[in-house]
Amino acid sequence: MIDFGSILPTSCVRAHVRATSKKASIEAAAEAIATTQESINARQLLEALMAREKLGSTNLGDGIAIPHCRFSDCQLPVASLLYLTNPVSFDNQEVDLLFILVVPEEETRLHLELLAILARVFDRQPNAQDLRKAQNDQDLYEAFQRQVAEALAE
């Protein structure tokens, strides 16, 4: 069973992030993720995530995006969850909730499994609204973990 507690460290969950663009929001996540694994360089991760964005939008609609990539310097799956103070444009749509996922290069199957779980979580309209009610990082983390547990229990 997938443990989102180990994939999403509390240090990578941030509520009320001030970012002025898609790149700035992804950069904030890349910097947080880089602190979790010595092998990850924030700048290189940002470049990999932006390159993946150019291949196709990670915008799910309803203000949610899931920027993601497989990254050779990543040793274990890791993620960041951001709730932006002001939405930014992702392919001409406003986004304020971002779940940034990074997995090791060789973990294709796990990558797809994680994306499928995230799609189930974010497909539920009340979930996004609950995340947006978070007053702080801990509220955001707890709400998301609760939603993942519910999605995995289905």
N, C-alpha and C. Protein backbone atom coordinates (compact mmCIF):
# COMPACT_ATOMS: atom_id res chain seq x y z
N MET A 1 0.84 -1.18 0.00
CA MET A 1 0.00 0.00 0.00
C MET A 1 0.89 1.26 0.00
N ILE A 2 0.49 2.22 -0.75
CA ILE A 2 1.26 3.46 -0.87
C ILE A 2 1.06 4.33 0.37
N ASP A 3 2.16 4.83 0.91
CA ASP A 3 2.14 5.65 2.11
C ASP A 3 2.43 7.10 1.74
N PHE A 4 1.37 7.90 1.62
CA PHE A 4 1.56 9.31 1.27
C PHE A 4 2.24 10.09 2.39
N GLY A 5 2.21 9.56 3.60
CA GLY A 5 2.91 10.20 4.69
C GLY A 5 4.41 10.26 4.46
N SER A 6 4.96 9.23 3.82
CA SER A 6 6.39 9.23 3.53
C SER A 6 6.71 9.98 2.24
N ILE A 7 5.76 10.09 1.35
CA ILE A 7 5.97 10.78 0.07
C ILE A 7 5.82 12.29 0.23
N LEU A 8 4.93 12.70 1.11
CA LEU A 8 4.65 14.12 1.31
C LEU A 8 5.08 14.55 2.72
N PRO A 9 6.33 14.97 2.87
CA PRO A 9 6.78 15.42 4.19
C PRO A 9 6.04 16.69 4.60
N THR A 10 5.82 16.85 5.88
CA THR A 10 5.12 18.04 6.36
C THR A 10 5.87 19.32 5.97
N SER A 11 7.19 19.22 5.85
CA SER A 11 7.99 20.40 5.48
C SER A 11 7.74 20.86 4.04
N CYS A 12 7.09 20.01 3.26
CA CYS A 12 6.81 20.33 1.85
C CYS A 12 5.36 20.74 1.62
N VAL A 13 4.63 20.93 2.68
CA VAL A 13 3.23 21.36 2.58
C VAL A 13 3.17 22.82 3.03
N ARG A 14 2.65 23.65 2.15
CA ARG A 14 2.64 25.08 2.44
C ARG A 14 1.29 25.69 2.07
N ALA A 15 0.67 26.32 3.05
CA ALA A 15 -0.59 27.03 2.82
C ALA A 15 -0.29 28.52 2.65
N HIS A 16 -1.04 29.17 1.82
CA HIS A 16 -0.95 30.62 1.62
C HIS A 16 0.41 31.05 1.08
N VAL A 17 0.84 30.35 0.03
CA VAL A 17 2.10 30.67 -0.64
C VAL A 17 1.88 31.84 -1.60
N ARG A 18 2.79 32.78 -1.57
CA ARG A 18 2.72 33.91 -2.49
C ARG A 18 3.62 33.60 -3.69
N ALA A 19 3.00 33.43 -4.85
CA ALA A 19 3.73 33.18 -6.09
C ALA A 19 3.04 34.00 -7.18
N THR A 20 3.83 34.51 -8.11
CA THR A 20 3.26 35.38 -9.13
C THR A 20 3.13 34.72 -10.50
N SER A 21 3.61 33.47 -10.62
CA SER A 21 3.55 32.79 -11.91
C SER A 21 3.61 31.28 -11.69
N LYS A 22 3.33 30.54 -12.76
CA LYS A 22 3.44 29.10 -12.72
C LYS A 22 4.87 28.71 -12.34
N LYS A 23 5.85 29.33 -12.99
CA LYS A 23 7.25 28.99 -12.71
C LYS A 23 7.60 29.28 -11.25
N ALA A 24 7.17 30.40 -10.72
CA ALA A 24 7.47 30.76 -9.33
C ALA A 24 6.84 29.76 -8.35
N SER A 25 5.64 29.31 -8.66
CA SER A 25 4.99 28.34 -7.77
C SER A 25 5.71 26.99 -7.82
N ILE A 26 6.09 26.56 -9.00
CA ILE A 26 6.82 25.30 -9.13
C ILE A 26 8.20 25.42 -8.49
N GLU A 27 8.81 26.60 -8.62
CA GLU A 27 10.11 26.83 -8.00
C GLU A 27 10.03 26.70 -6.48
N ALA A 28 8.97 27.23 -5.88
CA ALA A 28 8.79 27.12 -4.43
C ALA A 28 8.72 25.65 -4.00
N ALA A 29 8.01 24.86 -4.78
CA ALA A 29 7.90 23.43 -4.48
C ALA A 29 9.24 22.73 -4.69
N ALA A 30 9.94 23.05 -5.77
CA ALA A 30 11.24 22.42 -6.05
C ALA A 30 12.23 22.70 -4.92
N GLU A 31 12.20 23.91 -4.41
CA GLU A 31 13.10 24.25 -3.30
C GLU A 31 12.76 23.46 -2.05
N ALA A 32 11.48 23.30 -1.77
CA ALA A 32 11.07 22.51 -0.60
C ALA A 32 11.46 21.05 -0.78
N ILE A 33 11.20 20.51 -1.96
CA ILE A 33 11.53 19.11 -2.23
C ILE A 33 13.03 18.86 -2.13
N ALA A 34 13.82 19.79 -2.62
CA ALA A 34 15.29 19.63 -2.60
C ALA A 34 15.84 19.49 -1.18
N THR A 35 15.12 20.01 -0.21
CA THR A 35 15.60 19.89 1.18
C THR A 35 15.39 18.49 1.74
N THR A 36 14.62 17.66 1.04
CA THR A 36 14.30 16.32 1.55
C THR A 36 15.30 15.26 1.13
N GLN A 37 16.02 15.50 0.03
CA GLN A 37 16.98 14.52 -0.48
C GLN A 37 18.23 15.26 -0.95
N GLU A 38 19.38 14.91 -0.39
CA GLU A 38 20.63 15.59 -0.75
C GLU A 38 20.94 15.52 -2.24
N SER A 39 20.50 14.45 -2.89
CA SER A 39 20.82 14.26 -4.30
C SER A 39 20.04 15.18 -5.23
N ILE A 40 18.99 15.83 -4.72
CA ILE A 40 18.15 16.68 -5.57
C ILE A 40 18.62 18.13 -5.49
N ASN A 41 18.91 18.68 -6.67
CA ASN A 41 19.25 20.09 -6.80
C ASN A 41 17.98 20.83 -7.22
N ALA A 42 17.61 21.86 -6.47
CA ALA A 42 16.36 22.57 -6.71
C ALA A 42 16.28 23.15 -8.12
N ARG A 43 17.35 23.72 -8.59
CA ARG A 43 17.34 24.34 -9.93
C ARG A 43 17.15 23.29 -11.03
N GLN A 44 17.86 22.16 -10.90
CA GLN A 44 17.71 21.10 -11.90
C GLN A 44 16.31 20.50 -11.85
N LEU A 45 15.77 20.37 -10.64
CA LEU A 45 14.41 19.85 -10.52
C LEU A 45 13.41 20.82 -11.15
N LEU A 46 13.58 22.10 -10.90
CA LEU A 46 12.71 23.10 -11.53
C LEU A 46 12.76 22.97 -13.04
N GLU A 47 13.95 22.83 -13.61
CA GLU A 47 14.10 22.69 -15.06
C GLU A 47 13.38 21.44 -15.56
N ALA A 48 13.49 20.33 -14.82
CA ALA A 48 12.83 19.08 -15.22
C ALA A 48 11.31 19.23 -15.16
N LEU A 49 10.81 19.86 -14.12
CA LEU A 49 9.36 20.06 -14.00
C LEU A 49 8.83 21.00 -15.08
N MET A 50 9.58 22.05 -15.39
CA MET A 50 9.15 22.98 -16.44
C MET A 50 9.21 22.32 -17.81
N ALA A 51 10.21 21.47 -18.03
CA ALA A 51 10.30 20.72 -19.30
C ALA A 51 9.09 19.80 -19.44
N ARG A 52 8.69 19.17 -18.35
CA ARG A 52 7.52 18.29 -18.38
C ARG A 52 6.25 19.11 -18.67
N GLU A 53 6.17 20.31 -18.13
CA GLU A 53 5.02 21.18 -18.40
C GLU A 53 4.91 21.50 -19.89
N LYS A 54 6.04 21.63 -20.56
CA LYS A 54 6.02 21.95 -21.99
C LYS A 54 5.47 20.79 -22.83
N LEU A 55 5.56 19.56 -22.30
CA LEU A 55 5.06 18.39 -23.02
C LEU A 55 3.54 18.31 -23.01
N GLY A 56 2.95 18.88 -22.00
CA GLY A 56 1.49 18.85 -21.87
C GLY A 56 1.09 19.38 -20.53
N SER A 57 -0.02 20.01 -20.49
CA SER A 57 -0.49 20.66 -19.27
C SER A 57 -0.75 19.65 -18.16
N THR A 58 -0.41 20.03 -16.95
CA THR A 58 -0.72 19.23 -15.77
C THR A 58 -1.91 19.84 -15.01
N ASN A 59 -2.58 20.78 -15.64
CA ASN A 59 -3.74 21.44 -15.08
C ASN A 59 -4.94 20.50 -15.15
N LEU A 60 -5.55 20.22 -14.00
CA LEU A 60 -6.71 19.33 -13.97
C LEU A 60 -8.03 20.09 -14.11
N GLY A 61 -7.97 21.41 -14.00
CA GLY A 61 -9.19 22.21 -13.97
C GLY A 61 -9.60 22.44 -12.52
N ASP A 62 -10.61 23.24 -12.31
CA ASP A 62 -11.11 23.57 -10.96
C ASP A 62 -10.03 24.13 -10.05
N GLY A 63 -9.01 24.80 -10.64
CA GLY A 63 -7.98 25.43 -9.84
C GLY A 63 -6.90 24.50 -9.33
N ILE A 64 -6.81 23.31 -9.91
CA ILE A 64 -5.87 22.29 -9.44
C ILE A 64 -4.89 21.90 -10.55
N ALA A 65 -3.62 21.77 -10.19
CA ALA A 65 -2.61 21.26 -11.13
C ALA A 65 -1.72 20.26 -10.40
N ILE A 66 -1.22 19.30 -11.16
CA ILE A 66 -0.31 18.30 -10.61
C ILE A 66 0.97 18.26 -11.45
N PRO A 67 1.83 19.25 -11.30
CA PRO A 67 3.12 19.18 -11.98
C PRO A 67 3.88 17.94 -11.48
N HIS A 68 4.45 17.19 -12.39
CA HIS A 68 5.12 15.96 -11.98
C HIS A 68 6.20 15.58 -12.98
N CYS A 69 7.16 14.80 -12.51
CA CYS A 69 8.18 14.28 -13.42
C CYS A 69 8.90 13.11 -12.77
N ARG A 70 9.54 12.33 -13.62
CA ARG A 70 10.50 11.34 -13.15
C ARG A 70 11.85 12.03 -13.24
N PHE A 71 12.67 11.86 -12.20
CA PHE A 71 13.90 12.64 -12.08
C PHE A 71 15.04 11.73 -11.66
N SER A 72 16.10 11.74 -12.44
CA SER A 72 17.21 10.80 -12.22
C SER A 72 17.89 10.97 -10.86
N ASP A 73 17.90 12.16 -10.31
CA ASP A 73 18.57 12.38 -9.02
C ASP A 73 17.66 12.11 -7.82
N CYS A 74 16.45 11.71 -8.07
CA CYS A 74 15.50 11.41 -7.00
C CYS A 74 15.68 9.95 -6.58
N GLN A 75 15.83 9.74 -5.28
CA GLN A 75 16.04 8.37 -4.78
C GLN A 75 14.74 7.71 -4.31
N LEU A 76 13.83 8.50 -3.79
CA LEU A 76 12.53 8.02 -3.32
C LEU A 76 11.46 9.01 -3.77
N PRO A 77 10.23 8.55 -4.01
CA PRO A 77 9.17 9.48 -4.39
C PRO A 77 9.01 10.57 -3.32
N VAL A 78 8.82 11.78 -3.78
CA VAL A 78 8.64 12.91 -2.86
C VAL A 78 7.71 13.92 -3.51
N ALA A 79 6.99 14.66 -2.67
CA ALA A 79 6.00 15.59 -3.22
C ALA A 79 5.92 16.85 -2.36
N SER A 80 5.26 17.84 -2.93
CA SER A 80 4.97 19.09 -2.24
C SER A 80 3.53 19.47 -2.57
N LEU A 81 2.83 19.99 -1.57
CA LEU A 81 1.47 20.46 -1.75
C LEU A 81 1.45 21.94 -1.41
N LEU A 82 0.98 22.75 -2.36
CA LEU A 82 0.93 24.19 -2.16
C LEU A 82 -0.49 24.71 -2.35
N TYR A 83 -0.88 25.60 -1.46
CA TYR A 83 -2.12 26.35 -1.63
C TYR A 83 -1.69 27.80 -1.78
N LEU A 84 -1.93 28.36 -2.95
CA LEU A 84 -1.47 29.72 -3.27
C LEU A 84 -2.44 30.77 -2.76
N THR A 85 -1.88 31.86 -2.26
CA THR A 85 -2.69 32.98 -1.80
C THR A 85 -3.51 33.56 -2.95
N ASN A 86 -2.86 33.70 -4.10
CA ASN A 86 -3.52 34.19 -5.31
C ASN A 86 -3.26 33.20 -6.44
N PRO A 87 -4.29 32.83 -7.18
CA PRO A 87 -4.11 31.89 -8.28
C PRO A 87 -3.12 32.40 -9.33
N VAL A 88 -2.47 31.45 -10.00
CA VAL A 88 -1.58 31.77 -11.11
C VAL A 88 -2.10 31.05 -12.35
N SER A 89 -1.68 31.51 -13.51
CA SER A 89 -2.17 30.95 -14.76
C SER A 89 -1.39 29.69 -15.14
N PHE A 90 -2.12 28.61 -15.33
CA PHE A 90 -1.60 27.37 -15.90
C PHE A 90 -2.37 27.18 -17.19
N ASP A 91 -1.73 27.48 -18.29
CA ASP A 91 -2.37 27.31 -19.60
C ASP A 91 -3.72 28.01 -19.67
N ASN A 92 -3.70 29.29 -19.31
CA ASN A 92 -4.87 30.16 -19.38
C ASN A 92 -5.99 29.79 -18.42
N GLN A 93 -5.69 29.02 -17.40
CA GLN A 93 -6.66 28.73 -16.35
C GLN A 93 -6.01 29.04 -15.01
N GLU A 94 -6.80 29.58 -14.11
CA GLU A 94 -6.29 29.95 -12.79
C GLU A 94 -6.14 28.71 -11.90
N VAL A 95 -4.98 28.60 -11.25
CA VAL A 95 -4.69 27.47 -10.37
C VAL A 95 -4.24 28.01 -9.01
N ASP A 96 -4.80 27.45 -7.95
CA ASP A 96 -4.34 27.82 -6.61
C ASP A 96 -3.95 26.62 -5.74
N LEU A 97 -4.22 25.41 -6.21
CA LEU A 97 -3.80 24.20 -5.52
C LEU A 97 -2.86 23.41 -6.43
N LEU A 98 -1.66 23.15 -5.92
CA LEU A 98 -0.68 22.40 -6.70
C LEU A 98 -0.15 21.24 -5.88
N PHE A 99 -0.14 20.08 -6.48
CA PHE A 99 0.51 18.93 -5.90
C PHE A 99 1.65 18.58 -6.84
N ILE A 100 2.88 18.77 -6.39
CA ILE A 100 4.05 18.55 -7.23
C ILE A 100 4.64 17.20 -6.84
N LEU A 101 4.76 16.31 -7.80
CA LEU A 101 5.21 14.94 -7.55
C LEU A 101 6.49 14.65 -8.33
N VAL A 102 7.47 14.08 -7.63
CA VAL A 102 8.75 13.71 -8.24
C VAL A 102 9.05 12.27 -7.85
N VAL A 103 9.33 11.44 -8.84
CA VAL A 103 9.66 10.04 -8.57
C VAL A 103 10.97 9.69 -9.27
N PRO A 104 11.65 8.64 -8.77
CA PRO A 104 12.87 8.21 -9.44
C PRO A 104 12.62 7.86 -10.91
N GLU A 105 13.61 8.08 -11.70
CA GLU A 105 13.53 7.87 -13.16
C GLU A 105 12.94 6.51 -13.54
N GLU A 106 13.36 5.45 -12.83
CA GLU A 106 12.96 4.09 -13.20
C GLU A 106 11.59 3.68 -12.67
N GLU A 107 10.93 4.52 -11.92
CA GLU A 107 9.67 4.16 -11.26
C GLU A 107 8.43 4.53 -12.08
N THR A 108 8.37 4.08 -13.31
CA THR A 108 7.26 4.41 -14.19
C THR A 108 5.93 3.93 -13.63
N ARG A 109 5.87 2.67 -13.19
CA ARG A 109 4.62 2.11 -12.70
C ARG A 109 4.14 2.85 -11.44
N LEU A 110 5.04 3.07 -10.49
CA LEU A 110 4.68 3.79 -9.28
C LEU A 110 4.21 5.21 -9.60
N HIS A 111 4.88 5.85 -10.54
CA HIS A 111 4.51 7.19 -10.97
C HIS A 111 3.04 7.21 -11.42
N LEU A 112 2.68 6.26 -12.25
CA LEU A 112 1.31 6.20 -12.76
C LEU A 112 0.31 5.87 -11.65
N GLU A 113 0.69 4.98 -10.72
CA GLU A 113 -0.19 4.65 -9.60
C GLU A 113 -0.45 5.89 -8.72
N LEU A 114 0.60 6.64 -8.44
CA LEU A 114 0.45 7.84 -7.62
C LEU A 114 -0.43 8.87 -8.32
N LEU A 115 -0.23 9.05 -9.61
CA LEU A 115 -1.07 10.00 -10.36
C LEU A 115 -2.53 9.56 -10.36
N ALA A 116 -2.78 8.26 -10.43
CA ALA A 116 -4.16 7.76 -10.41
C ALA A 116 -4.82 8.04 -9.06
N ILE A 117 -4.08 7.87 -7.97
CA ILE A 117 -4.62 8.17 -6.65
C ILE A 117 -4.91 9.66 -6.53
N LEU A 118 -3.98 10.48 -6.99
CA LEU A 118 -4.19 11.93 -6.94
C LEU A 118 -5.40 12.34 -7.76
N ALA A 119 -5.59 11.72 -8.90
CA ALA A 119 -6.75 12.03 -9.74
C ALA A 119 -8.04 11.71 -8.99
N ARG A 120 -8.06 10.59 -8.26
CA ARG A 120 -9.25 10.24 -7.48
C ARG A 120 -9.49 11.26 -6.37
N VAL A 121 -8.43 11.66 -5.69
CA VAL A 121 -8.57 12.64 -4.61
C VAL A 121 -9.11 13.96 -5.16
N PHE A 122 -8.49 14.45 -6.23
CA PHE A 122 -8.86 15.77 -6.73
C PHE A 122 -10.10 15.76 -7.60
N ASP A 123 -10.60 14.59 -7.96
CA ASP A 123 -11.82 14.49 -8.75
C ASP A 123 -13.05 14.81 -7.90
N ARG A 124 -12.91 14.70 -6.61
CA ARG A 124 -14.02 14.99 -5.69
C ARG A 124 -14.06 16.48 -5.41
N GLN A 125 -15.10 17.13 -5.85
CA GLN A 125 -15.24 18.58 -5.70
C GLN A 125 -15.09 19.05 -4.25
N PRO A 126 -15.71 18.40 -3.27
CA PRO A 126 -15.57 18.89 -1.89
C PRO A 126 -14.12 18.87 -1.39
N ASN A 127 -13.28 17.98 -1.93
CA ASN A 127 -11.91 17.90 -1.45
C ASN A 127 -11.13 19.19 -1.68
N ALA A 128 -11.23 19.73 -2.87
CA ALA A 128 -10.51 20.97 -3.17
C ALA A 128 -11.00 22.09 -2.25
N GLN A 129 -12.30 22.15 -2.04
CA GLN A 129 -12.84 23.19 -1.16
C GLN A 129 -12.35 23.03 0.27
N ASP A 130 -12.25 21.78 0.74
CA ASP A 130 -11.72 21.54 2.09
C ASP A 130 -10.26 21.98 2.19
N LEU A 131 -9.47 21.70 1.16
CA LEU A 131 -8.06 22.12 1.18
C LEU A 131 -7.96 23.65 1.22
N ARG A 132 -8.84 24.30 0.51
CA ARG A 132 -8.82 25.77 0.47
C ARG A 132 -9.23 26.41 1.80
N LYS A 133 -9.83 25.65 2.68
CA LYS A 133 -10.21 26.16 4.00
C LYS A 133 -9.04 26.14 4.98
N ALA A 134 -7.93 25.54 4.60
CA ALA A 134 -6.80 25.39 5.51
C ALA A 134 -6.30 26.75 5.99
N GLN A 135 -6.16 26.87 7.28
CA GLN A 135 -5.66 28.10 7.87
C GLN A 135 -4.14 28.14 7.94
N ASN A 136 -3.52 26.94 7.93
CA ASN A 136 -2.07 26.87 8.04
C ASN A 136 -1.56 25.58 7.39
N ASP A 137 -0.25 25.40 7.41
CA ASP A 137 0.38 24.24 6.77
C ASP A 137 -0.15 22.93 7.36
N GLN A 138 -0.27 22.87 8.67
CA GLN A 138 -0.72 21.64 9.33
C GLN A 138 -2.15 21.29 8.95
N ASP A 139 -3.03 22.27 8.89
CA ASP A 139 -4.42 22.03 8.45
C ASP A 139 -4.43 21.45 7.03
N LEU A 140 -3.62 22.03 6.16
CA LEU A 140 -3.56 21.58 4.77
C LEU A 140 -3.07 20.14 4.70
N TYR A 141 -2.01 19.85 5.45
CA TYR A 141 -1.44 18.50 5.48
C TYR A 141 -2.47 17.49 5.97
N GLU A 142 -3.11 17.78 7.07
CA GLU A 142 -4.08 16.85 7.66
C GLU A 142 -5.28 16.63 6.75
N ALA A 143 -5.78 17.68 6.14
CA ALA A 143 -6.92 17.54 5.22
C ALA A 143 -6.55 16.66 4.04
N PHE A 144 -5.37 16.88 3.47
CA PHE A 144 -4.95 16.08 2.32
C PHE A 144 -4.77 14.62 2.71
N GLN A 145 -4.11 14.36 3.83
CA GLN A 145 -3.88 12.97 4.26
C GLN A 145 -5.21 12.25 4.50
N ARG A 146 -6.18 12.94 5.05
CA ARG A 146 -7.51 12.38 5.27
C ARG A 146 -8.16 12.03 3.92
N GLN A 147 -8.02 12.93 2.93
CA GLN A 147 -8.60 12.68 1.61
C GLN A 147 -7.95 11.50 0.91
N VAL A 148 -6.63 11.38 1.05
CA VAL A 148 -5.93 10.24 0.45
C VAL A 148 -6.40 8.94 1.09
N ALA A 149 -6.51 8.92 2.41
CA ALA A 149 -6.96 7.72 3.11
C ALA A 149 -8.36 7.30 2.62
N GLU A 150 -9.23 8.27 2.42
CA GLU A 150 -10.58 7.98 1.92
C GLU A 150 -10.52 7.42 0.50
N ALA A 151 -9.67 8.00 -0.35
CA ALA A 151 -9.55 7.53 -1.73
C ALA A 151 -8.97 6.12 -1.78
N LEU A 152 -8.02 5.83 -0.92
CA LEU A 152 -7.40 4.49 -0.90
C LEU A 152 -8.33 3.44 -0.32
N ALA A 153 -9.27 3.85 0.51
CA ALA A 153 -10.22 2.92 1.14
C ALA A 153 -11.31 2.47 0.19
N GLU A 154 -11.47 3.19 -0.91
CA GLU A 154 -12.54 2.85 -1.87
C GLU A 154 -12.29 1.52 -2.54
